[in-house]
């Protein structure tokens, strides 16, 4: 397992280097998130068992990246995966994949393109006003439900008792 995770980490470092190059070219500030941030501080690299990289951008910068990056990546082995670039991809955040790799996540529920990736999350501001907060939450819940339906993800799996009639 250690050799595999080391190979994944090397590819992810390439993905991260490409991402930071894009952000520098487009003048977009970004930050590490989650285990990637923790690993950078605590381990001066990856958490040894962590198999992904998480980065974030403020929503306006995220939207600029999604609009500007595809043509900049066209002649490379990188692919910016979004619901617009991959009709089988239905998550609420983007991924930067290495097209020269193939990896399938444990929670694979669709036929989206597979490859070693980094996750790119949009960071949204929460409004001060409670009514606007409720509106933002309702919009999020609507999008989340849409994603789950598009993925054909089932929150409940039917279980039948063999002695009962379904």
N, C-alpha and C. Protein backbone atom coordinates (compact mmCIF):
# COMPACT_ATOMS: atom_id res chain seq x y z
N UNK A 1 0.83 -1.20 0.00
CA UNK A 1 0.00 0.00 0.00
C UNK A 1 0.87 1.26 0.00
N UNK A 2 1.97 1.22 0.73
CA UNK A 2 2.82 2.40 0.83
C UNK A 2 3.36 2.83 -0.53
N UNK A 3 3.76 1.85 -1.36
CA UNK A 3 4.28 2.19 -2.69
C UNK A 3 3.20 2.84 -3.54
N UNK A 4 1.96 2.33 -3.44
CA UNK A 4 0.85 2.89 -4.21
C UNK A 4 0.55 4.32 -3.77
N UNK A 5 0.46 4.54 -2.47
CA UNK A 5 0.13 5.89 -1.98
C UNK A 5 1.26 6.86 -2.35
N UNK A 6 2.51 6.39 -2.34
CA UNK A 6 3.62 7.25 -2.75
C UNK A 6 3.49 7.65 -4.22
N UNK A 7 3.09 6.71 -5.07
CA UNK A 7 2.88 7.01 -6.49
C UNK A 7 1.74 8.00 -6.68
N UNK A 8 0.65 7.80 -5.92
CA UNK A 8 -0.49 8.73 -5.99
C UNK A 8 -0.04 10.12 -5.56
N UNK A 9 0.71 10.20 -4.46
CA UNK A 9 1.19 11.49 -3.96
C UNK A 9 2.04 12.21 -5.01
N UNK A 10 2.90 11.47 -5.72
CA UNK A 10 3.74 12.10 -6.74
C UNK A 10 2.89 12.71 -7.86
N UNK A 11 1.87 11.97 -8.30
CA UNK A 11 0.98 12.50 -9.35
C UNK A 11 0.21 13.70 -8.83
N UNK A 12 -0.27 13.60 -7.58
CA UNK A 12 -1.02 14.73 -7.00
C UNK A 12 -0.15 15.97 -6.88
N UNK A 13 1.13 15.80 -6.59
CA UNK A 13 2.03 16.96 -6.55
C UNK A 13 2.12 17.61 -7.92
N UNK A 14 2.13 16.80 -8.98
CA UNK A 14 2.11 17.35 -10.33
C UNK A 14 0.82 18.10 -10.60
N UNK A 15 -0.31 17.52 -10.16
CA UNK A 15 -1.60 18.19 -10.32
C UNK A 15 -1.61 19.52 -9.56
N UNK A 16 -1.09 19.48 -8.34
CA UNK A 16 -1.06 20.69 -7.52
C UNK A 16 -0.15 21.75 -8.16
N UNK A 17 0.98 21.32 -8.71
CA UNK A 17 1.87 22.27 -9.39
C UNK A 17 1.16 22.91 -10.58
N UNK A 18 0.41 22.12 -11.34
CA UNK A 18 -0.33 22.67 -12.48
C UNK A 18 -1.41 23.64 -11.99
N UNK A 19 -2.11 23.26 -10.92
CA UNK A 19 -3.14 24.13 -10.34
C UNK A 19 -2.53 25.46 -9.89
N UNK A 20 -1.40 25.41 -9.18
CA UNK A 20 -0.80 26.66 -8.70
C UNK A 20 -0.29 27.50 -9.87
N UNK A 21 0.18 26.84 -10.93
CA UNK A 21 0.60 27.57 -12.14
C UNK A 21 -0.59 28.29 -12.76
N UNK A 22 -1.73 27.60 -12.86
CA UNK A 22 -2.94 28.23 -13.40
C UNK A 22 -3.36 29.42 -12.54
N UNK A 23 -3.34 29.23 -11.22
CA UNK A 23 -3.75 30.31 -10.32
C UNK A 23 -2.82 31.51 -10.43
N UNK A 24 -1.52 31.26 -10.57
CA UNK A 24 -0.57 32.36 -10.75
C UNK A 24 -0.83 33.08 -12.07
N UNK A 25 -1.05 32.31 -13.12
CA UNK A 25 -1.29 32.89 -14.45
C UNK A 25 -2.56 33.74 -14.45
N UNK A 26 -3.59 33.28 -13.73
CA UNK A 26 -4.88 33.98 -13.69
C UNK A 26 -4.99 34.94 -12.51
N UNK A 27 -3.93 35.02 -11.71
CA UNK A 27 -3.89 35.88 -10.52
C UNK A 27 -5.03 35.55 -9.56
N UNK A 28 -5.15 34.26 -9.23
CA UNK A 28 -6.20 33.80 -8.34
C UNK A 28 -5.59 33.32 -7.03
N UNK A 29 -5.99 33.91 -5.91
CA UNK A 29 -5.52 33.39 -4.62
C UNK A 29 -6.24 32.08 -4.29
N UNK A 30 -5.56 31.19 -3.62
CA UNK A 30 -6.13 29.89 -3.25
C UNK A 30 -5.56 29.49 -1.89
N UNK A 31 -6.09 28.44 -1.32
CA UNK A 31 -5.56 27.93 -0.07
C UNK A 31 -5.73 26.42 -0.01
N UNK A 32 -4.87 25.79 0.78
CA UNK A 32 -5.03 24.37 1.07
C UNK A 32 -6.13 24.21 2.09
N UNK A 33 -6.84 23.09 2.03
CA UNK A 33 -7.94 22.82 2.95
C UNK A 33 -7.76 21.44 3.59
N UNK A 34 -8.45 21.24 4.70
CA UNK A 34 -8.59 19.92 5.31
C UNK A 34 -7.27 19.24 5.59
N UNK A 35 -7.22 17.94 5.23
CA UNK A 35 -6.04 17.13 5.48
C UNK A 35 -4.81 17.62 4.75
N UNK A 36 -5.01 18.29 3.62
CA UNK A 36 -3.87 18.83 2.88
C UNK A 36 -3.19 19.94 3.67
N UNK A 37 -3.98 20.80 4.29
CA UNK A 37 -3.43 21.86 5.13
C UNK A 37 -2.77 21.27 6.37
N UNK A 38 -3.45 20.32 6.99
CA UNK A 38 -2.90 19.67 8.18
C UNK A 38 -1.59 18.97 7.85
N UNK A 39 -1.56 18.24 6.73
CA UNK A 39 -0.34 17.55 6.33
C UNK A 39 0.80 18.51 6.05
N UNK A 40 0.50 19.63 5.41
CA UNK A 40 1.54 20.61 5.10
C UNK A 40 2.18 21.14 6.38
N UNK A 41 1.36 21.32 7.41
CA UNK A 41 1.87 21.86 8.67
C UNK A 41 2.52 20.77 9.51
N UNK A 42 1.79 19.68 9.72
CA UNK A 42 2.24 18.65 10.66
C UNK A 42 3.31 17.73 10.07
N UNK A 43 3.23 17.43 8.77
CA UNK A 43 4.14 16.47 8.15
C UNK A 43 5.06 17.11 7.11
N UNK A 44 4.95 18.42 6.91
CA UNK A 44 5.70 19.11 5.86
C UNK A 44 5.49 18.43 4.50
N UNK A 45 4.28 17.98 4.27
CA UNK A 45 3.91 17.29 3.03
C UNK A 45 2.54 16.66 3.20
N UNK A 46 2.42 15.45 2.77
CA UNK A 46 1.15 14.72 2.89
C UNK A 46 1.03 14.06 4.25
N UNK A 47 -0.20 13.91 4.72
CA UNK A 47 -0.46 12.96 5.78
C UNK A 47 -0.20 11.61 5.13
N UNK A 48 0.62 10.75 5.72
CA UNK A 48 1.05 9.53 5.02
C UNK A 48 -0.07 8.68 4.44
N UNK A 49 -1.22 8.64 5.06
CA UNK A 49 -2.31 7.79 4.59
C UNK A 49 -3.37 8.57 3.80
N UNK A 50 -3.19 9.87 3.67
CA UNK A 50 -4.17 10.69 2.95
C UNK A 50 -3.97 10.52 1.45
N UNK A 51 -5.05 10.26 0.73
CA UNK A 51 -4.91 9.95 -0.69
C UNK A 51 -5.45 11.04 -1.61
N UNK A 52 -5.65 12.25 -1.08
CA UNK A 52 -6.09 13.32 -1.97
C UNK A 52 -5.56 14.67 -1.50
N UNK A 53 -5.72 15.65 -2.37
CA UNK A 53 -5.33 17.03 -2.08
C UNK A 53 -6.59 17.87 -2.19
N UNK A 54 -6.81 18.74 -1.22
CA UNK A 54 -7.97 19.63 -1.21
C UNK A 54 -7.49 21.08 -1.25
N UNK A 55 -8.00 21.83 -2.22
CA UNK A 55 -7.70 23.26 -2.31
C UNK A 55 -9.03 24.01 -2.43
N UNK A 56 -9.00 25.28 -2.09
CA UNK A 56 -10.21 26.09 -2.18
C UNK A 56 -9.92 27.47 -2.73
N UNK A 57 -10.96 28.03 -3.36
CA UNK A 57 -10.92 29.40 -3.85
C UNK A 57 -12.24 30.07 -3.48
N UNK A 58 -12.18 31.37 -3.25
CA UNK A 58 -13.43 32.11 -3.06
C UNK A 58 -14.28 31.94 -4.31
N UNK A 59 -15.58 31.99 -4.17
CA UNK A 59 -16.51 31.67 -5.26
C UNK A 59 -16.20 32.42 -6.57
N UNK A 60 -15.97 33.72 -6.48
CA UNK A 60 -15.71 34.49 -7.71
C UNK A 60 -14.43 34.00 -8.40
N UNK A 61 -13.41 33.68 -7.62
CA UNK A 61 -12.16 33.17 -8.18
C UNK A 61 -12.35 31.76 -8.73
N UNK A 62 -13.13 30.95 -8.03
CA UNK A 62 -13.45 29.59 -8.48
C UNK A 62 -14.15 29.65 -9.84
N UNK A 63 -15.14 30.53 -9.95
CA UNK A 63 -15.86 30.67 -11.22
C UNK A 63 -14.93 31.14 -12.35
N UNK A 64 -14.01 32.05 -12.03
CA UNK A 64 -13.03 32.49 -13.03
C UNK A 64 -12.13 31.34 -13.48
N UNK A 65 -11.71 30.51 -12.51
CA UNK A 65 -10.88 29.36 -12.86
C UNK A 65 -11.63 28.41 -13.78
N UNK A 66 -12.87 28.10 -13.46
CA UNK A 66 -13.66 27.18 -14.28
C UNK A 66 -13.86 27.72 -15.70
N UNK A 67 -13.98 29.03 -15.83
CA UNK A 67 -14.17 29.63 -17.16
C UNK A 67 -12.87 29.70 -17.95
N UNK A 68 -11.77 30.02 -17.28
CA UNK A 68 -10.52 30.29 -18.00
C UNK A 68 -9.61 29.07 -18.17
N UNK A 69 -9.69 28.10 -17.29
CA UNK A 69 -8.71 27.00 -17.31
C UNK A 69 -8.85 26.02 -18.48
N UNK A 70 -10.05 25.63 -18.89
CA UNK A 70 -10.12 24.60 -19.95
C UNK A 70 -9.28 24.88 -21.19
N UNK A 71 -9.34 26.07 -21.78
CA UNK A 71 -8.48 26.28 -22.96
C UNK A 71 -6.99 26.28 -22.61
N UNK A 72 -6.65 26.68 -21.39
CA UNK A 72 -5.25 26.67 -20.98
C UNK A 72 -4.73 25.24 -20.76
N UNK A 73 -5.65 24.31 -20.54
CA UNK A 73 -5.27 22.91 -20.31
C UNK A 73 -5.42 22.05 -21.57
N UNK A 74 -5.95 22.62 -22.63
CA UNK A 74 -6.33 21.84 -23.82
C UNK A 74 -5.20 20.99 -24.38
N UNK A 75 -4.00 21.48 -24.40
CA UNK A 75 -2.87 20.74 -24.98
C UNK A 75 -2.03 20.03 -23.93
N UNK A 76 -2.62 19.76 -22.79
CA UNK A 76 -1.89 19.10 -21.70
C UNK A 76 -2.57 17.78 -21.34
N UNK A 77 -1.98 17.08 -20.40
CA UNK A 77 -2.59 15.84 -19.93
C UNK A 77 -3.44 16.07 -18.69
N UNK A 78 -3.81 17.33 -18.45
CA UNK A 78 -4.69 17.66 -17.33
C UNK A 78 -6.10 17.94 -17.82
N UNK A 79 -7.06 17.64 -16.97
CA UNK A 79 -8.48 17.80 -17.31
C UNK A 79 -9.19 18.41 -16.11
N UNK A 80 -9.85 19.54 -16.32
CA UNK A 80 -10.64 20.16 -15.26
C UNK A 80 -12.04 19.56 -15.31
N UNK A 81 -12.35 18.73 -14.35
CA UNK A 81 -13.61 17.98 -14.34
C UNK A 81 -14.68 18.76 -13.56
N UNK A 82 -15.76 19.06 -14.27
CA UNK A 82 -16.93 19.72 -13.70
C UNK A 82 -18.15 19.09 -14.37
N UNK A 83 -19.35 19.38 -13.87
CA UNK A 83 -20.53 18.88 -14.58
C UNK A 83 -20.62 19.38 -16.03
N UNK A 84 -20.01 20.52 -16.34
CA UNK A 84 -20.03 21.04 -17.71
C UNK A 84 -19.03 20.32 -18.62
N UNK A 85 -17.91 19.90 -18.08
CA UNK A 85 -16.88 19.26 -18.91
C UNK A 85 -17.03 17.74 -18.99
N UNK A 86 -17.79 17.17 -18.05
CA UNK A 86 -18.01 15.72 -18.01
C UNK A 86 -19.46 15.48 -17.62
N UNK A 87 -20.31 15.13 -18.57
CA UNK A 87 -21.75 14.98 -18.28
C UNK A 87 -22.06 13.91 -17.23
N UNK A 88 -21.12 13.01 -16.96
CA UNK A 88 -21.34 11.98 -15.95
C UNK A 88 -20.85 12.40 -14.57
N UNK A 89 -20.27 13.59 -14.48
CA UNK A 89 -19.75 14.09 -13.21
C UNK A 89 -20.79 15.01 -12.60
N UNK A 90 -21.17 14.75 -11.36
CA UNK A 90 -22.26 15.53 -10.79
C UNK A 90 -21.96 16.06 -9.40
N UNK A 91 -20.70 16.18 -9.04
CA UNK A 91 -20.38 16.70 -7.72
C UNK A 91 -20.40 18.22 -7.73
N UNK A 92 -20.45 18.81 -6.55
CA UNK A 92 -20.61 20.26 -6.44
C UNK A 92 -19.29 21.02 -6.46
N UNK A 93 -18.21 20.34 -6.70
CA UNK A 93 -16.89 20.97 -6.75
C UNK A 93 -16.13 20.36 -7.94
N UNK A 94 -15.05 21.01 -8.31
CA UNK A 94 -14.26 20.57 -9.47
C UNK A 94 -13.12 19.66 -9.04
N UNK A 95 -12.57 18.96 -10.02
CA UNK A 95 -11.37 18.15 -9.82
C UNK A 95 -10.42 18.46 -10.97
N UNK A 96 -9.14 18.49 -10.66
CA UNK A 96 -8.12 18.57 -11.70
C UNK A 96 -7.50 17.19 -11.78
N UNK A 97 -7.75 16.50 -12.90
CA UNK A 97 -7.29 15.13 -13.10
C UNK A 97 -6.09 15.07 -14.01
N UNK A 98 -5.27 14.05 -13.78
CA UNK A 98 -4.20 13.70 -14.70
C UNK A 98 -4.76 12.65 -15.65
N UNK A 99 -4.88 12.99 -16.94
CA UNK A 99 -5.48 12.07 -17.92
C UNK A 99 -4.63 10.83 -18.17
N UNK A 100 -3.38 10.86 -17.77
CA UNK A 100 -2.50 9.71 -17.99
C UNK A 100 -2.61 8.68 -16.88
N UNK A 101 -3.57 8.86 -15.98
CA UNK A 101 -3.74 7.94 -14.86
C UNK A 101 -5.17 7.43 -14.83
N UNK A 102 -5.37 6.36 -14.07
CA UNK A 102 -6.71 5.84 -13.83
C UNK A 102 -6.76 5.40 -12.38
N UNK A 103 -7.74 5.89 -11.67
CA UNK A 103 -7.97 5.47 -10.30
C UNK A 103 -9.46 5.58 -10.04
N UNK A 104 -10.01 4.61 -9.35
CA UNK A 104 -11.44 4.62 -9.07
C UNK A 104 -11.63 4.76 -7.57
N UNK A 105 -12.41 5.77 -7.19
CA UNK A 105 -12.66 6.01 -5.77
C UNK A 105 -13.56 4.92 -5.20
N UNK A 106 -13.43 4.68 -3.90
CA UNK A 106 -14.26 3.68 -3.23
C UNK A 106 -15.74 4.00 -3.35
N UNK A 107 -16.08 5.28 -3.32
CA UNK A 107 -17.49 5.68 -3.37
C UNK A 107 -17.93 5.97 -4.80
N UNK A 108 -17.32 5.32 -5.77
CA UNK A 108 -17.66 5.53 -7.18
C UNK A 108 -19.12 5.17 -7.42
N UNK A 109 -19.90 6.13 -7.90
CA UNK A 109 -21.32 5.89 -8.16
C UNK A 109 -21.73 6.33 -9.56
N UNK A 110 -20.76 6.63 -10.41
CA UNK A 110 -21.13 7.09 -11.75
C UNK A 110 -20.07 6.71 -12.77
N UNK A 111 -20.29 7.09 -13.98
CA UNK A 111 -19.37 6.78 -15.07
C UNK A 111 -18.49 7.97 -15.45
N UNK A 112 -18.25 8.85 -14.52
CA UNK A 112 -17.41 10.02 -14.79
C UNK A 112 -15.97 9.57 -15.07
N UNK A 113 -15.24 10.44 -15.75
CA UNK A 113 -13.82 10.17 -16.04
C UNK A 113 -13.08 9.90 -14.73
N UNK A 114 -12.18 8.96 -14.76
CA UNK A 114 -11.41 8.57 -13.57
C UNK A 114 -9.94 8.94 -13.79
N UNK A 115 -9.27 9.32 -12.74
CA UNK A 115 -7.85 9.62 -12.79
C UNK A 115 -7.41 10.18 -11.46
N UNK A 116 -6.11 10.19 -11.21
CA UNK A 116 -5.59 10.79 -9.98
C UNK A 116 -5.90 12.28 -10.06
N UNK A 117 -6.38 12.84 -8.97
CA UNK A 117 -6.96 14.19 -9.00
C UNK A 117 -6.62 14.98 -7.76
N UNK A 118 -6.91 16.27 -7.82
CA UNK A 118 -7.02 17.10 -6.63
C UNK A 118 -8.43 17.68 -6.64
N UNK A 119 -9.00 17.86 -5.46
CA UNK A 119 -10.32 18.46 -5.31
C UNK A 119 -10.18 19.97 -5.22
N UNK A 120 -11.06 20.68 -5.93
CA UNK A 120 -11.04 22.15 -5.94
C UNK A 120 -12.42 22.62 -5.47
N UNK A 121 -12.47 23.21 -4.28
CA UNK A 121 -13.74 23.59 -3.67
C UNK A 121 -14.00 25.09 -3.79
N UNK A 122 -15.24 25.46 -4.10
CA UNK A 122 -15.62 26.88 -4.02
C UNK A 122 -15.93 27.23 -2.57
N UNK A 123 -15.52 28.39 -2.15
CA UNK A 123 -15.79 28.86 -0.79
C UNK A 123 -16.78 30.01 -0.88
N UNK A 124 -17.95 29.80 -0.30
CA UNK A 124 -19.03 30.78 -0.38
C UNK A 124 -19.16 31.55 0.92
N UNK A 125 -19.43 32.82 0.79
CA UNK A 125 -19.69 33.68 1.94
C UNK A 125 -21.08 33.38 2.47
N UNK A 126 -21.22 33.36 3.79
CA UNK A 126 -22.54 33.19 4.40
C UNK A 126 -23.07 34.58 4.72
N UNK A 127 -24.27 34.90 4.24
CA UNK A 127 -24.81 36.24 4.50
C UNK A 127 -25.04 36.50 5.99
N UNK A 128 -25.06 37.78 6.35
CA UNK A 128 -25.32 38.16 7.74
C UNK A 128 -26.79 38.04 8.11
N UNK A 129 -27.66 38.31 7.16
CA UNK A 129 -29.10 38.32 7.43
C UNK A 129 -29.67 36.90 7.49
N UNK A 130 -30.43 36.56 8.55
CA UNK A 130 -31.02 35.23 8.67
C UNK A 130 -31.88 34.81 7.47
N UNK A 131 -32.64 35.74 6.90
CA UNK A 131 -33.48 35.39 5.75
C UNK A 131 -32.60 34.99 4.56
N UNK A 132 -31.51 35.70 4.35
CA UNK A 132 -30.59 35.37 3.26
C UNK A 132 -29.86 34.05 3.55
N UNK A 133 -29.57 33.79 4.83
CA UNK A 133 -28.96 32.52 5.20
C UNK A 133 -29.89 31.36 4.86
N UNK A 134 -31.19 31.51 5.19
CA UNK A 134 -32.17 30.46 4.88
C UNK A 134 -32.29 30.25 3.37
N UNK A 135 -32.26 31.35 2.63
CA UNK A 135 -32.34 31.26 1.17
C UNK A 135 -31.11 30.52 0.61
N UNK A 136 -29.94 30.85 1.13
CA UNK A 136 -28.72 30.18 0.69
C UNK A 136 -28.77 28.69 1.04
N UNK A 137 -29.23 28.35 2.23
CA UNK A 137 -29.34 26.96 2.64
C UNK A 137 -30.33 26.21 1.75
N UNK A 138 -31.46 26.82 1.44
CA UNK A 138 -32.46 26.19 0.57
C UNK A 138 -31.87 25.92 -0.81
N UNK A 139 -31.11 26.89 -1.33
CA UNK A 139 -30.48 26.71 -2.64
C UNK A 139 -29.46 25.57 -2.59
N UNK A 140 -28.68 25.54 -1.52
CA UNK A 140 -27.71 24.45 -1.36
C UNK A 140 -28.42 23.10 -1.31
N UNK A 141 -29.49 23.00 -0.52
CA UNK A 141 -30.21 21.73 -0.40
C UNK A 141 -30.81 21.32 -1.75
N UNK A 142 -31.30 22.28 -2.52
CA UNK A 142 -31.84 21.96 -3.84
C UNK A 142 -30.75 21.40 -4.75
N UNK A 143 -29.58 22.07 -4.78
CA UNK A 143 -28.47 21.58 -5.60
C UNK A 143 -27.98 20.22 -5.12
N UNK A 144 -27.90 20.03 -3.81
CA UNK A 144 -27.45 18.76 -3.26
C UNK A 144 -28.39 17.62 -3.66
N UNK A 145 -29.69 17.86 -3.58
CA UNK A 145 -30.68 16.85 -3.99
C UNK A 145 -30.54 16.56 -5.47
N UNK A 146 -30.36 17.59 -6.27
CA UNK A 146 -30.18 17.41 -7.71
C UNK A 146 -28.96 16.54 -8.01
N UNK A 147 -27.88 16.79 -7.29
CA UNK A 147 -26.67 15.99 -7.47
C UNK A 147 -26.93 14.53 -7.12
N UNK A 148 -27.56 14.30 -5.98
CA UNK A 148 -27.84 12.92 -5.56
C UNK A 148 -28.72 12.21 -6.58
N UNK A 149 -29.71 12.89 -7.10
CA UNK A 149 -30.58 12.28 -8.10
C UNK A 149 -29.83 12.00 -9.40
N UNK A 150 -28.99 12.95 -9.81
CA UNK A 150 -28.23 12.76 -11.04
C UNK A 150 -27.27 11.58 -10.91
N UNK A 151 -26.72 11.39 -9.72
CA UNK A 151 -25.81 10.27 -9.49
C UNK A 151 -26.56 8.96 -9.28
N UNK A 152 -27.88 9.04 -9.22
CA UNK A 152 -28.71 7.88 -8.91
C UNK A 152 -28.29 7.27 -7.58
N UNK A 153 -27.94 8.15 -6.66
CA UNK A 153 -27.51 7.75 -5.33
C UNK A 153 -28.74 7.53 -4.47
N UNK A 154 -28.77 6.40 -3.78
CA UNK A 154 -29.92 6.07 -2.95
C UNK A 154 -29.53 6.19 -1.48
N UNK A 155 -30.28 6.98 -0.75
CA UNK A 155 -30.00 7.13 0.67
C UNK A 155 -30.46 5.90 1.45
N UNK A 156 -31.43 5.19 0.93
CA UNK A 156 -31.95 3.99 1.58
C UNK A 156 -31.90 2.86 0.57
N UNK A 157 -31.34 1.74 0.98
CA UNK A 157 -31.30 0.56 0.12
C UNK A 157 -32.40 -0.38 0.57
N UNK A 158 -33.28 -0.80 -0.34
CA UNK A 158 -34.35 -1.71 0.04
C UNK A 158 -33.79 -3.04 0.53
N UNK A 159 -34.33 -3.52 1.63
CA UNK A 159 -33.96 -4.82 2.17
C UNK A 159 -35.23 -5.63 2.29
N UNK A 160 -35.21 -6.82 1.71
CA UNK A 160 -36.39 -7.66 1.73
C UNK A 160 -36.15 -8.87 2.61
N UNK A 161 -37.10 -9.16 3.44
CA UNK A 161 -37.07 -10.37 4.26
C UNK A 161 -37.47 -11.52 3.35
N UNK A 162 -36.67 -12.57 3.32
CA UNK A 162 -36.94 -13.67 2.40
C UNK A 162 -38.26 -14.37 2.70
N UNK A 163 -38.76 -14.27 3.92
CA UNK A 163 -40.03 -14.92 4.25
C UNK A 163 -41.22 -14.01 3.98
N UNK A 164 -40.96 -12.75 3.70
CA UNK A 164 -42.05 -11.80 3.44
C UNK A 164 -42.18 -11.57 1.95
N UNK A 165 -43.35 -11.17 1.54
CA UNK A 165 -43.59 -10.83 0.14
C UNK A 165 -43.24 -9.37 -0.07
N UNK A 166 -42.37 -9.07 -1.04
CA UNK A 166 -42.01 -7.66 -1.26
C UNK A 166 -43.17 -6.86 -1.80
